[in-house]
Amino acid sequence: MRTDQLPERTPPTTDHRPDVRSARPAGRWEFTDADELPVLRRAVMEAAARSVELNTDELSNSSVHHNLALVTTELATNALKYGVRPGVVRLHRLPTGWMVDVADGRADQAPRPQLPKPGRSGGNGLLIVSMLSVRWGWYVDTNSTPRKHVWAEITDS
């Protein structure tokens, strides 16, 4: 997505889920409190560092891992603020990047991006997600207890 475009007010929900068939699981974490977010951020960065191939550019990985951790904590913050706890983060290594999926127990509320407002503290999480990811969306998993999943894909370049 271009950074001069704003995301849709509500990304469409469909039964189409992100394709993780070619992905390797890279981590899974549960969280219940904002105090856990710094630990989650470090864990995502460490898992990403362990999962990369040895012949990739270290500097490039550093910024990608930072963006991945930022997107993850933005989605986790939204899950804490608007969802039902506990939240669950799943990280997958894709052939050309990463997919992060954050689930919470509030399946009846869609994520709603807000327009940026100067001087406002917060409210820009989904805008940040849309700027740093190549694709993002959400779906409801109804296999057992309904859970909302918000996911984003981040490329290695």
Protein backbone atom coordinates (compact mmCIF):
# COMPACT_ATOMS: atom_id res chain seq x y z
CA MET A 1 0.00 0.00 0.00
CA ARG A 2 1.25 3.48 -0.78
CA THR A 3 1.89 5.65 2.26
CA ASP A 4 -0.09 8.56 0.78
CA GLN A 5 -3.29 6.51 0.84
CA LEU A 6 -5.41 5.85 3.87
CA PRO A 7 -6.75 2.37 4.56
CA GLU A 8 -10.37 1.57 4.05
CA ARG A 9 -12.46 2.40 7.10
CA THR A 10 -13.18 -1.29 7.59
CA PRO A 11 -11.24 -3.90 5.66
CA PRO A 12 -13.61 -6.43 4.14
CA THR A 13 -14.18 -9.61 6.07
CA THR A 14 -14.44 -12.79 4.10
CA ASP A 15 -13.98 -16.47 4.65
CA HIS A 16 -10.68 -16.03 2.81
CA ARG A 17 -7.88 -16.42 5.29
CA PRO A 18 -4.24 -15.68 4.65
CA ASP A 19 -2.50 -18.52 2.84
CA VAL A 20 -0.01 -20.10 5.23
CA ARG A 21 0.40 -23.42 3.38
CA SER A 22 3.96 -22.52 2.38
CA ALA A 23 4.74 -20.93 5.75
CA ARG A 24 6.79 -22.22 8.65
CA PRO A 25 5.46 -21.52 12.16
CA ALA A 26 7.94 -19.21 13.88
CA GLY A 27 6.23 -18.53 17.20
CA ARG A 28 3.06 -18.40 19.26
CA TRP A 29 2.41 -16.25 22.31
CA GLU A 30 -0.58 -15.53 24.53
CA PHE A 31 -0.98 -12.17 26.24
CA THR A 32 -3.49 -10.68 28.65
CA ASP A 33 -2.03 -7.33 29.69
CA ALA A 34 -0.27 -4.30 28.20
CA ASP A 35 2.67 -4.92 30.54
CA GLU A 36 3.44 -8.01 28.43
CA LEU A 37 3.86 -6.07 25.17
CA PRO A 38 7.59 -5.26 25.56
CA VAL A 39 8.29 -8.96 26.18
CA LEU A 40 6.14 -9.89 23.18
CA ARG A 41 8.03 -7.38 21.01
CA ARG A 42 11.40 -8.87 22.00
CA ALA A 43 10.13 -12.42 21.51
CA VAL A 44 8.92 -11.63 17.97
CA MET A 45 12.25 -10.04 17.05
CA GLU A 46 14.18 -13.01 18.47
CA ALA A 47 11.95 -15.53 16.68
CA ALA A 48 12.36 -13.63 13.41
CA ALA A 49 16.13 -13.55 13.83
CA ARG A 50 16.21 -17.32 14.42
CA SER A 51 14.04 -18.03 11.37
CA VAL A 52 15.91 -16.15 8.65
CA GLU A 53 18.23 -17.81 6.19
CA LEU A 54 21.96 -17.34 6.78
CA ASN A 55 22.64 -15.66 3.44
CA THR A 56 20.30 -12.69 3.89
CA ASP A 57 21.39 -9.11 4.48
CA GLU A 58 21.68 -8.43 8.22
CA LEU A 59 20.86 -4.70 7.99
CA SER A 60 17.77 -5.38 5.89
CA ASN A 61 16.62 -8.01 8.38
CA SER A 62 17.07 -5.57 11.24
CA SER A 63 14.59 -3.05 9.79
CA VAL A 64 12.20 -5.80 8.66
CA HIS A 65 12.27 -7.35 12.14
CA HIS A 66 11.66 -3.93 13.69
CA ASN A 67 8.65 -3.38 11.38
CA LEU A 68 7.39 -6.88 12.12
CA ALA A 69 7.61 -6.28 15.87
CA LEU A 70 5.91 -2.89 15.51
CA VAL A 71 3.02 -4.33 13.47
CA THR A 72 2.66 -7.18 15.98
CA THR A 73 2.51 -4.90 19.00
CA GLU A 74 0.09 -2.52 17.26
CA LEU A 75 -2.28 -5.44 16.54
CA ALA A 76 -1.80 -6.83 20.06
CA THR A 77 -2.52 -3.41 21.58
CA ASN A 78 -5.77 -3.25 19.59
CA ALA A 79 -6.68 -6.75 20.75
CA LEU A 80 -6.21 -5.64 24.36
CA LYS A 81 -8.07 -2.37 23.89
CA TYR A 82 -11.02 -3.57 21.83
CA GLY A 83 -11.05 -7.37 22.16
CA VAL A 84 -11.71 -10.02 24.75
CA ARG A 85 -8.67 -11.52 26.45
CA PRO A 86 -6.55 -13.52 26.15
CA GLY A 87 -5.00 -12.48 22.88
CA VAL A 88 -2.91 -14.87 20.83
CA VAL A 89 -0.11 -13.97 18.40
CA ARG A 90 1.01 -16.44 15.74
CA LEU A 91 4.05 -15.68 13.63
CA HIS A 92 4.74 -17.47 10.34
CA ARG A 93 7.78 -17.34 8.08
CA LEU A 94 6.67 -17.00 4.45
CA PRO A 95 8.94 -17.64 1.45
CA THR A 96 9.43 -13.88 0.98
CA GLY A 97 8.51 -12.42 4.34
CA TRP A 98 6.34 -12.82 7.40
CA MET A 99 2.70 -13.20 8.37
CA VAL A 100 1.53 -12.23 11.82
CA ASP A 101 -1.94 -13.18 13.06
CA VAL A 102 -3.37 -11.69 16.26
CA ALA A 103 -6.57 -13.23 17.62
CA ASP A 104 -8.91 -12.12 20.39
CA GLY A 105 -12.26 -13.29 21.68
CA ARG A 106 -14.39 -10.42 20.36
CA ALA A 107 -15.60 -11.71 17.02
CA ASP A 108 -18.49 -9.24 16.76
CA GLN A 109 -16.39 -6.09 16.27
CA ALA A 110 -14.52 -5.35 13.05
CA PRO A 111 -11.22 -3.47 13.14
CA ARG A 112 -11.85 0.18 12.28
CA PRO A 113 -8.95 2.29 11.00
CA GLN A 114 -9.12 5.94 12.02
CA LEU A 115 -7.98 8.97 10.10
CA PRO A 116 -4.89 10.55 11.67
CA LYS A 117 -5.54 13.60 13.84
CA PRO A 118 -2.72 15.97 14.84
CA GLY A 119 -2.15 15.98 18.57
CA ARG A 120 -4.17 12.83 19.23
CA SER A 121 -2.43 10.26 21.33
CA GLY A 122 -3.07 6.83 19.84
CA GLY A 123 -5.60 5.72 17.28
CA ASN A 124 -3.08 5.24 14.48
CA GLY A 125 -2.32 1.53 14.93
CA LEU A 126 -4.13 0.23 11.85
CA LEU A 127 -2.75 3.08 9.77
CA ILE A 128 0.76 1.99 10.83
CA VAL A 129 -0.13 -1.63 10.02
CA SER A 130 -1.38 -0.66 6.56
CA MET A 131 1.76 1.39 5.85
CA LEU A 132 4.23 -1.33 6.91
CA SER A 133 2.50 -4.37 5.46
CA VAL A 134 1.89 -5.43 1.88
CA ARG A 135 -1.51 -6.81 2.80
CA TRP A 136 -3.66 -7.06 5.91
CA GLY A 137 -7.16 -8.11 6.79
CA TRP A 138 -9.32 -9.90 9.28
CA TYR A 139 -11.64 -12.85 9.59
CA VAL A 140 -13.68 -14.67 12.21
CA ASP A 141 -12.78 -18.23 13.12
CA THR A 142 -15.96 -20.06 14.14
CA ASN A 143 -14.50 -23.56 14.55
CA SER A 144 -15.11 -23.49 18.30
CA THR A 145 -15.49 -20.29 20.30
CA PRO A 146 -15.67 -17.45 17.77
CA ARG A 147 -12.42 -15.47 17.61
CA LYS A 148 -11.51 -12.46 15.52
CA HIS A 149 -8.16 -12.68 13.71
CA VAL A 150 -6.38 -9.62 12.35
CA TRP A 151 -3.39 -10.49 10.18
CA ALA A 152 -0.70 -8.70 8.22
CA GLU A 153 2.03 -9.71 5.76
CA ILE A 154 5.43 -8.00 5.84
CA THR A 155 7.98 -8.59 3.08
CA ASP A 156 11.70 -9.06 3.51
CA SER A 157 12.48 -6.08 1.29
